[in-house]
Protein backbone atom coordinates (compact mmCIF):
# COMPACT_ATOMS: atom_id res chain seq x y z
CA UNK A 1 15.17 -2.63 -17.52
CA UNK A 2 11.68 -2.92 -18.91
CA UNK A 3 9.30 -0.06 -18.13
CA UNK A 4 6.88 -0.89 -15.30
CA UNK A 5 3.76 0.73 -13.88
CA UNK A 6 3.14 4.53 -13.81
CA UNK A 7 -0.19 3.96 -15.56
CA UNK A 8 -1.93 6.81 -13.74
CA UNK A 9 0.90 9.26 -14.37
CA UNK A 10 1.15 8.34 -18.05
CA UNK A 11 -2.59 8.72 -18.50
CA UNK A 12 -2.54 12.10 -16.77
CA UNK A 13 0.36 13.40 -18.86
CA UNK A 14 -1.43 12.33 -22.02
CA UNK A 15 -4.59 14.11 -20.86
CA UNK A 16 -2.55 17.25 -20.20
CA UNK A 17 -1.11 17.04 -23.73
CA UNK A 18 -4.65 17.04 -25.15
CA UNK A 19 -5.64 20.00 -22.94
CA UNK A 20 -2.64 21.97 -24.16
CA UNK A 21 -4.08 21.96 -27.68
CA UNK A 22 -6.69 24.43 -26.42
CA UNK A 23 -5.02 26.17 -23.49
CA UNK A 24 -1.37 26.34 -22.37
CA UNK A 25 -0.45 23.83 -19.65
CA UNK A 26 2.39 24.21 -17.15
CA UNK A 27 3.19 20.93 -15.36
CA UNK A 28 5.68 20.66 -12.51
CA UNK A 29 7.09 17.16 -12.08
CA UNK A 30 9.01 16.50 -8.88
CA UNK A 31 10.36 13.51 -7.02
CA UNK A 32 13.62 12.36 -5.51
CA UNK A 33 16.61 11.73 -7.74
CA UNK A 34 16.61 8.38 -9.61
CA UNK A 35 12.82 8.03 -9.33
CA UNK A 36 12.36 7.98 -13.13
CA UNK A 37 10.81 11.35 -13.97
CA UNK A 38 12.49 11.75 -17.36
CA UNK A 39 11.77 8.15 -18.38
CA UNK A 40 8.13 8.68 -17.42
CA UNK A 41 7.69 11.70 -19.70
CA UNK A 42 9.48 9.94 -22.56
CA UNK A 43 7.21 6.91 -22.10
CA UNK A 44 4.07 9.06 -21.98
CA UNK A 45 4.89 10.87 -25.23
CA UNK A 46 6.71 8.10 -27.05
CA UNK A 47 8.30 9.16 -30.32
CA UNK A 48 6.50 12.48 -30.51
CA UNK A 49 8.54 15.48 -31.59
CA UNK A 50 9.13 16.81 -28.07
CA UNK A 51 11.65 19.52 -27.27
CA UNK A 52 13.97 18.45 -24.46
CA UNK A 53 16.16 20.98 -22.64
CA UNK A 54 18.52 19.69 -19.97
CA UNK A 55 19.82 22.37 -17.61
CA UNK A 56 23.50 21.88 -16.82
CA UNK A 57 25.65 24.16 -14.69
CA UNK A 58 27.10 25.91 -17.67
CA UNK A 59 26.97 29.58 -18.57
CA UNK A 60 23.68 30.82 -19.95
CA UNK A 61 25.20 31.39 -23.39
CA UNK A 62 26.52 27.80 -23.58
CA UNK A 63 23.12 26.43 -22.52
CA UNK A 64 21.42 28.55 -25.15
CA UNK A 65 23.73 27.08 -27.80
CA UNK A 66 22.61 23.58 -26.81
CA UNK A 67 18.95 24.56 -26.73
CA UNK A 68 19.15 26.24 -30.14
CA UNK A 69 20.65 23.05 -31.57
CA UNK A 70 17.70 21.09 -30.15
CA UNK A 71 15.23 23.58 -31.62
CA UNK A 72 16.85 23.50 -35.03
CA UNK A 73 16.88 19.69 -35.12
CA UNK A 74 13.34 19.12 -33.86
CA UNK A 75 11.47 22.06 -35.41
CA UNK A 76 13.47 22.39 -38.61
CA UNK A 77 13.24 26.15 -38.11
CA UNK A 78 16.55 27.98 -38.16
CA UNK A 79 17.03 30.69 -35.55
CA UNK A 80 18.81 33.72 -36.93
CA UNK A 81 21.63 35.30 -34.97
CA UNK A 82 23.38 34.28 -31.77
CA UNK A 83 21.10 33.74 -28.78
CA UNK A 84 22.61 34.24 -25.31
CA UNK A 85 19.52 34.61 -23.11
CA UNK A 86 17.20 31.75 -22.24
CA UNK A 87 14.36 34.26 -22.04
CA UNK A 88 14.69 34.85 -25.79
CA UNK A 89 14.46 31.12 -26.51
CA UNK A 90 11.45 30.69 -24.24
CA UNK A 91 9.74 33.69 -25.83
CA UNK A 92 10.43 32.23 -29.28
CA UNK A 93 9.03 28.81 -28.36
CA UNK A 94 5.92 30.30 -26.77
CA UNK A 95 5.34 32.37 -29.92
CA UNK A 96 5.70 29.33 -32.20
CA UNK A 97 3.23 27.36 -30.08
CA UNK A 98 0.47 29.81 -30.99
CA UNK A 99 0.32 28.24 -34.45
CA UNK A 100 2.22 24.96 -33.92
CA UNK A 101 1.29 23.18 -30.63
CA UNK A 102 4.44 22.17 -28.77
CA UNK A 103 5.61 20.04 -25.87
CA UNK A 104 8.68 21.40 -24.09
CA UNK A 105 10.35 19.51 -21.26
CA UNK A 106 12.96 21.31 -19.14
CA UNK A 107 14.93 18.84 -17.01
CA UNK A 108 16.75 19.77 -13.76
CA UNK A 109 14.81 23.01 -13.89
CA UNK A 110 15.96 24.14 -10.45
CA UNK A 111 19.53 24.46 -11.74
CA UNK A 112 18.58 27.62 -13.61
CA UNK A 113 19.17 29.28 -10.23
CA UNK A 114 22.88 28.50 -10.63
CA UNK A 115 22.93 29.72 -14.22
CA UNK A 116 21.01 32.98 -13.85
CA UNK A 117 18.51 33.51 -11.04
CA UNK A 118 16.66 36.07 -13.15
CA UNK A 119 15.47 33.34 -15.55
CA UNK A 120 12.51 32.46 -13.34
CA UNK A 121 11.10 35.99 -13.32
CA UNK A 122 11.78 36.34 -17.05
CA UNK A 123 9.85 33.13 -17.71
CA UNK A 124 6.99 34.31 -15.52
CA UNK A 125 6.58 37.53 -17.51
CA UNK A 126 6.67 35.71 -20.86
CA UNK A 127 4.26 33.01 -19.65
CA UNK A 128 1.78 35.53 -18.30
CA UNK A 129 1.92 37.57 -21.48
CA UNK A 130 1.57 34.74 -24.00
CA UNK A 131 -0.21 31.82 -22.30
CA UNK A 132 -3.70 32.93 -23.36
CA UNK A 133 -2.87 32.36 -27.04
CA UNK A 134 -0.21 29.66 -26.72
CA UNK A 135 -0.80 25.95 -27.25
CA UNK A 136 2.15 25.02 -25.10
CA UNK A 137 2.57 21.83 -23.08
CA UNK A 138 5.37 22.92 -20.74
CA UNK A 139 6.80 20.33 -18.33
CA UNK A 140 9.51 21.27 -15.86
CA UNK A 141 11.23 18.51 -13.89
CA UNK A 142 13.37 18.90 -10.82
CA UNK A 143 15.07 16.50 -8.45
CA UNK A 144 15.95 18.92 -5.67
CA UNK A 145 12.54 18.68 -4.06
CA UNK A 146 12.98 21.51 -1.57
CA UNK A 147 13.92 23.98 -4.28
CA UNK A 148 11.17 22.91 -6.69
CA UNK A 149 8.59 23.25 -3.94
CA UNK A 150 9.89 26.70 -3.05
CA UNK A 151 9.87 27.88 -6.69
CA UNK A 152 6.19 27.10 -7.18
CA UNK A 153 4.63 27.15 -3.72
CA UNK A 154 6.34 30.10 -2.07
CA UNK A 155 4.28 33.22 -2.78
CA UNK A 156 7.45 35.32 -2.81
CA UNK A 157 8.76 33.48 -5.88
CA UNK A 158 7.96 34.76 -9.41
CA UNK A 159 6.61 31.39 -10.63
CA UNK A 160 4.32 30.97 -7.63
CA UNK A 161 0.96 29.59 -8.71
CA UNK A 162 1.82 29.50 -12.42
CA UNK A 163 1.68 25.71 -12.66
CA UNK A 164 -1.53 24.07 -13.84
CA UNK A 165 -0.47 20.67 -12.45
CA UNK A 166 1.95 19.63 -9.68
CA UNK A 167 2.87 15.94 -9.80
CA UNK A 168 5.15 14.22 -7.30
CA UNK A 169 6.47 10.87 -8.52
CA UNK A 170 6.64 8.33 -5.72
CA UNK A 171 8.65 5.09 -5.45
CA UNK A 172 7.12 1.91 -6.86
CA UNK A 173 4.33 0.43 -4.74
CA UNK A 174 4.86 -3.05 -3.23
CA UNK A 175 2.79 -4.74 -5.96
CA UNK A 176 5.05 -3.24 -8.64
CA UNK A 177 8.24 -4.25 -6.81
CA UNK A 178 6.81 -7.77 -6.72
CA UNK A 179 5.94 -7.71 -10.44
CA UNK A 180 9.45 -6.56 -11.34
CA UNK A 181 11.16 -9.28 -9.31
CA UNK A 182 8.75 -11.88 -10.72
CA UNK A 183 9.67 -10.76 -14.24
CA UNK A 184 13.42 -11.08 -13.66
CA UNK A 185 13.37 -14.04 -11.28
CA UNK A 186 10.20 -16.16 -11.50
CA UNK A 187 11.59 -18.43 -8.76
CA UNK A 188 12.16 -15.62 -6.26
CA UNK A 189 11.70 -16.22 -2.54
CA UNK A 190 9.93 -13.98 -0.05
CA UNK A 191 13.36 -13.18 1.39
CA UNK A 192 14.46 -11.97 -2.05
CA UNK A 193 11.38 -9.76 -2.29
CA UNK A 194 11.89 -8.23 1.15
CA UNK A 195 15.55 -7.59 0.33
CA UNK A 196 14.72 -5.77 -2.91
CA UNK A 197 12.25 -3.56 -1.07
CA UNK A 198 14.66 -2.99 1.82
CA UNK A 199 17.61 -1.99 -0.34
CA UNK A 200 15.81 0.10 -2.98
CA UNK A 201 12.62 1.34 -1.35
CA UNK A 202 11.03 0.95 -4.79
CA UNK A 203 13.22 3.67 -6.38
CA UNK A 204 13.33 2.93 -10.11
CA UNK A 205 17.06 3.50 -10.71
CA UNK A 206 18.16 1.27 -7.84
CA UNK A 207 15.79 -1.51 -8.88
CA UNK A 208 17.05 -1.19 -12.46
CA UNK A 209 20.72 -1.41 -11.42
CA UNK A 210 20.11 -4.60 -9.47
CA UNK A 211 17.88 -6.29 -12.03
CA UNK A 212 20.11 -5.45 -14.99
CA UNK A 213 23.08 -6.88 -13.06
CA UNK A 214 21.21 -10.12 -12.42
CA UNK A 215 21.13 -9.40 -8.69
CA UNK A 216 17.72 -10.95 -8.09
CA UNK A 217 18.41 -12.89 -4.87
CA UNK A 218 19.10 -11.58 -1.39
CA UNK A 219 22.72 -12.78 -1.57
CA UNK A 220 23.43 -11.29 -5.01
CA UNK A 221 21.83 -7.98 -4.08
CA UNK A 222 24.05 -7.54 -1.04
CA UNK A 223 27.14 -8.51 -3.06
CA UNK A 224 26.25 -5.88 -5.63
CA UNK A 225 25.54 -3.13 -3.11
CA UNK A 226 28.44 -3.67 -0.70
CA UNK A 227 31.30 -3.84 -3.17
CA UNK A 228 34.27 -1.72 -4.12
CA UNK A 229 33.27 1.03 -6.55
CA UNK A 230 29.59 0.15 -6.10
CA UNK A 231 27.17 2.83 -7.25
CA UNK A 232 25.29 2.44 -3.96
CA UNK A 233 28.26 3.15 -1.67
CA UNK A 234 28.43 6.87 -2.49
CA UNK A 235 24.84 7.41 -3.60
CA UNK A 236 23.52 8.79 -0.31
CA UNK A 237 26.22 11.43 -0.13
CA UNK A 238 26.03 12.31 -3.82
CA UNK A 239 22.27 12.72 -3.62
CA UNK A 240 22.02 14.81 -0.47
CA UNK A 241 25.01 17.15 -0.41
CA UNK A 242 23.39 19.33 -3.06
CA UNK A 243 20.20 19.49 -1.02
CA UNK A 244 21.95 20.49 2.21
CA UNK A 245 24.91 22.49 0.96
CA UNK A 246 27.90 23.15 3.20
CA UNK A 247 25.86 22.43 6.33
CA UNK A 248 25.32 18.79 5.34
CA UNK A 249 27.34 17.39 8.27
CA UNK A 250 24.71 18.19 10.92
CA UNK A 251 21.90 16.85 8.75
CA UNK A 252 23.87 13.65 8.14
CA UNK A 253 24.44 13.22 11.88
CA UNK A 254 20.72 13.51 12.58
CA UNK A 255 19.75 11.10 9.78
CA UNK A 256 22.33 8.57 10.95
CA UNK A 257 21.01 8.71 14.50
CA UNK A 258 17.40 8.25 13.41
CA UNK A 259 18.38 5.38 11.10
CA UNK A 260 20.19 3.64 13.95
CA UNK A 261 17.25 3.80 16.35
CA UNK A 262 17.71 7.12 18.15
CA UNK A 263 14.30 8.31 17.04
CA UNK A 264 13.26 11.01 19.52
CA UNK A 265 14.38 14.61 19.48
CA UNK A 266 15.50 14.45 23.10
CA UNK A 267 17.66 11.40 22.38
CA UNK A 268 19.25 13.07 19.34
CA UNK A 269 19.96 16.33 21.19
CA UNK A 270 21.43 14.41 24.10
CA UNK A 271 23.88 12.60 21.85
CA UNK A 272 24.82 15.64 19.75
CA UNK A 273 24.81 18.06 22.72
CA UNK A 274 23.03 20.59 20.52
CA UNK A 275 19.53 21.92 19.84
CA UNK A 276 18.29 20.43 16.54
CA UNK A 277 14.64 21.44 16.21
CA UNK A 278 15.33 23.75 13.25
CA UNK A 279 17.25 21.06 11.40
CA UNK A 280 14.55 18.46 12.04
CA UNK A 281 11.79 20.80 10.94
CA UNK A 282 13.61 21.38 7.67
CA UNK A 283 14.31 17.67 7.22
CA UNK A 284 10.60 17.00 7.62
CA UNK A 285 8.91 19.94 5.91
CA UNK A 286 11.43 21.22 3.35
CA UNK A 287 13.28 18.07 2.33
CA UNK A 288 10.66 15.41 3.07
CA UNK A 289 13.39 13.08 4.36
CA UNK A 290 12.02 12.29 7.81
CA UNK A 291 8.51 11.75 9.12
CA UNK A 292 7.26 11.93 12.67
CA UNK A 293 4.56 9.82 14.20
CA UNK A 294 2.74 9.56 17.48
CA UNK A 295 0.46 6.87 18.91
CA UNK A 296 -2.89 6.66 17.14
CA UNK A 297 -5.44 9.08 18.66
CA UNK A 298 -2.93 10.68 21.01
CA UNK A 299 -4.28 14.17 21.62
CA UNK A 300 -1.01 15.89 22.58
CA UNK A 301 0.94 17.06 19.55
CA UNK A 302 4.29 17.14 21.36
CA UNK A 303 4.45 14.00 23.48
CA UNK A 304 5.60 10.49 22.59
CA UNK A 305 6.80 11.61 19.14
CA UNK A 306 9.16 9.33 17.22
CA UNK A 307 10.92 9.98 13.91
CA UNK A 308 11.80 7.75 10.96
CA UNK A 309 13.78 8.23 7.77
CA UNK A 310 11.07 8.36 5.09
CA UNK A 311 13.18 6.99 2.23
CA UNK A 312 13.98 3.29 2.65
CA UNK A 313 17.17 3.41 0.61
CA UNK A 314 18.50 6.32 2.68
CA UNK A 315 17.41 4.54 5.86
CA UNK A 316 19.59 1.59 4.82
CA UNK A 317 22.42 3.83 3.61
CA UNK A 318 22.67 5.78 6.86
CA UNK A 319 22.20 2.67 9.01
CA UNK A 320 24.95 0.65 7.36
CA UNK A 321 26.98 2.50 4.72
CA UNK A 322 27.42 5.91 6.37
CA UNK A 323 27.66 4.56 9.91
CA UNK A 324 30.45 2.18 8.89
CA UNK A 325 32.14 4.42 6.34
CA UNK A 326 35.48 3.77 8.09
CA UNK A 327 35.16 0.13 6.99
CA UNK A 328 34.96 1.36 3.39
CA UNK A 329 37.97 3.63 3.84
CA UNK A 330 39.88 0.59 5.12
CA UNK A 331 38.69 -1.47 2.12
CA UNK A 332 36.96 -3.85 4.56
CA UNK A 333 33.94 -4.60 2.37
CA UNK A 334 33.79 -8.20 3.61
CA UNK A 335 33.51 -6.95 7.19
CA UNK A 336 30.74 -4.54 6.19
CA UNK A 337 28.83 -7.42 4.59
CA UNK A 338 29.19 -9.33 7.85
CA UNK A 339 27.64 -6.39 9.75
CA UNK A 340 24.68 -6.16 7.35
CA UNK A 341 24.16 -9.93 7.46
CA UNK A 342 24.40 -9.99 11.26
CA UNK A 343 21.74 -7.28 11.71
CA UNK A 344 19.61 -8.12 8.68
CA UNK A 345 16.78 -10.03 10.36
CA UNK A 346 16.22 -7.44 13.08
CA UNK A 347 16.48 -4.57 10.62
CA UNK A 348 14.07 -6.03 8.06
CA UNK A 349 11.47 -6.75 10.73
CA UNK A 350 10.68 -3.01 10.81
CA UNK A 351 10.84 -2.76 7.03
CA UNK A 352 8.25 -5.53 6.85
CA UNK A 353 5.82 -3.37 8.86
CA UNK A 354 6.27 -0.58 6.34
CA UNK A 355 5.70 -3.02 3.48
CA UNK A 356 2.33 -4.10 4.86
CA UNK A 357 1.25 -0.53 5.61
CA UNK A 358 2.00 0.38 1.99
CA UNK A 359 0.12 -2.69 0.77
CA UNK A 360 -2.90 -1.58 2.78
CA UNK A 361 -2.70 1.96 1.43
CA UNK A 362 -2.42 0.61 -2.09
CA UNK A 363 -5.57 -1.50 -1.58
CA UNK A 364 -7.73 1.52 -0.72
CA UNK A 365 -9.78 -0.63 1.67
CA UNK A 366 -9.10 1.36 4.83
CA UNK A 367 -9.84 4.88 6.00
CA UNK A 368 -7.17 4.96 8.73
CA UNK A 369 -3.85 3.07 8.96
CA UNK A 370 -1.57 3.75 11.91
CA UNK A 371 0.33 2.31 14.89
CA UNK A 372 -0.06 2.65 18.64
CA UNK A 373 2.12 2.34 21.72
CA UNK A 374 1.66 3.38 25.31
CA UNK A 375 3.83 5.85 27.20
CA UNK A 376 5.71 3.17 29.11
CA UNK A 377 6.47 1.18 25.98
CA UNK A 378 4.89 -1.93 27.48
CA UNK A 379 2.17 -2.25 24.85
CA UNK A 380 2.70 -1.70 21.15
CA UNK A 381 0.48 -2.50 18.17
CA UNK A 382 2.31 -2.65 14.85
CA UNK A 383 -0.63 -1.79 12.61
CA UNK A 384 -4.20 -0.68 13.23
CA UNK A 385 -6.30 -0.59 10.06
CA UNK A 386 -9.82 0.82 10.31
CA UNK A 387 -12.75 1.16 7.93
CA UNK A 388 -14.87 3.95 9.38
CA UNK A 389 -17.67 3.37 6.86
CA UNK A 390 -18.06 -0.33 7.63
CA UNK A 391 -17.31 0.21 11.34
CA UNK A 392 -14.57 -2.43 11.33
CA UNK A 393 -11.04 -2.36 12.70
CA UNK A 394 -8.26 -4.91 12.46
CA UNK A 395 -5.10 -4.89 14.53
CA UNK A 396 -2.00 -6.65 13.21
CA UNK A 397 1.12 -8.10 14.75
CA UNK A 398 3.93 -8.16 12.17
CA UNK A 399 6.78 -10.67 12.46
CA UNK A 400 9.14 -12.16 9.94
CA UNK A 401 8.11 -15.66 11.05
CA UNK A 402 4.49 -16.60 11.62
CA UNK A 403 5.49 -18.83 14.55
CA UNK A 404 6.51 -15.72 16.51
CA UNK A 405 3.00 -14.19 16.40
CA UNK A 406 0.85 -14.50 19.55
CA UNK A 407 -2.73 -13.39 18.84
CA UNK A 408 -3.75 -13.72 22.51
CA UNK A 409 -1.15 -11.15 23.51
CA UNK A 410 -2.26 -8.96 20.60
CA UNK A 411 -5.89 -9.14 21.81
CA UNK A 412 -4.78 -7.91 25.23
CA UNK A 413 -2.92 -5.01 23.59
CA UNK A 414 -6.04 -4.12 21.63
CA UNK A 415 -8.06 -4.12 24.84
CA UNK A 416 -5.54 -1.78 26.44
CA UNK A 417 -5.59 0.49 23.35
CA UNK A 418 -9.38 0.83 23.59
CA UNK A 419 -9.20 1.57 27.32
CA UNK A 420 -6.60 4.32 26.83
CA UNK A 421 -8.06 5.95 23.73
CA UNK A 422 -11.77 5.24 24.10
CA UNK A 423 -11.90 4.54 20.37
CA UNK A 424 -13.53 1.77 18.31
CA UNK A 425 -15.72 0.56 21.17
CA UNK A 426 -18.65 -0.01 18.79
CA UNK A 427 -16.59 -1.36 15.89
CA UNK A 428 -16.31 -4.96 14.84
CA UNK A 429 -12.72 -5.89 15.80
CA UNK A 430 -10.28 -8.54 14.63
CA UNK A 431 -6.75 -9.54 15.54
CA UNK A 432 -4.51 -10.93 12.82
CA UNK A 433 -0.88 -11.75 12.21
CA UNK A 434 1.22 -10.85 9.20
CA UNK A 435 4.50 -12.47 8.30
CA UNK A 436 6.70 -12.90 5.25
CA UNK A 437 4.30 -15.66 4.16
CA UNK A 438 1.70 -12.95 3.37
CA UNK A 439 4.00 -10.82 1.22
């Protein structure tokens, strides 16, 4: 697939490269698996003579052999003797950078913990000792977000605070998803666009797999995803088991329940007959896989809380693939496609709300974007977008079809919202509808 977007990230990486000519830079690049971190760095630095170390789960001596080969090829500087400690290689590279500015990228950095946990403290000592004279542009990438965050933001860890930049790579924004589909299918429909966003969540690898396969329509996408030996069938499990370890079963149960509409803690605990607050806290804060929300301007922090799976691909995977995994075991892929097709319109109605919220965030025109519902569930406003500088607020009803939008009912909901919250009484207010026509 062609390379799209990431203009800000590329510009920032290039700026960091320039800074490293005067003072050593230590950039941490995180983001979920398949988001395109490695491709981003390669794009930012083009054909430059960059050192690239990929950390596999080999022994330290085997890794060092591979790294020495990379050094010899790129730097044309033979290393004498057999090297069996990564610390010696890192020390060597830092020393060279004092007179020859270098860019070193270490991919899957968190996996050093499986190779030799002492590597992190060894790196810290070398970095602290040599960074003042080095002209090193060090970039470490990691796809296990919880571990990368811990390594650099937990004050008990040796590399705590050593980074000069911490960049998290996010999925493609709606405008980029649209540009990509336009490039591969100029005749795309709004249904095709919503499907691409629903199935991939803007994750680069998933978009690439579909576009390269010519799956640019809603029908072709589903055929590609729900198929025997499809990459997507096992992706959720492959991606998350490493994050969760042997305790993945409980996490999977919680994610499946949230993805299928059981979005309160009480509901989840009632179904599982177990206390899950610790698991949910970790899913939210450590793994970044779920988010919680409450009605806009609700003062209580613990009432009326609902949860959602943050990652759209995983939301889809747990809702359809994991929930109906017995269909896959029975080779009933046609039946699974029937289930997805049957529930598609209802399911994508909620995804459409997320699309428009992301569009609004991308625009930068609003200071507050949220939703609201009352305690009884009788009144719900899909999106409230406010501009606190201009003293304007717009409430939106989101439906797949414009004909289903009733602005009079929405105006009554807005009135109720203002009565309950006491907010926006002096703002200029508007009620609008959003449908697939506005995508």
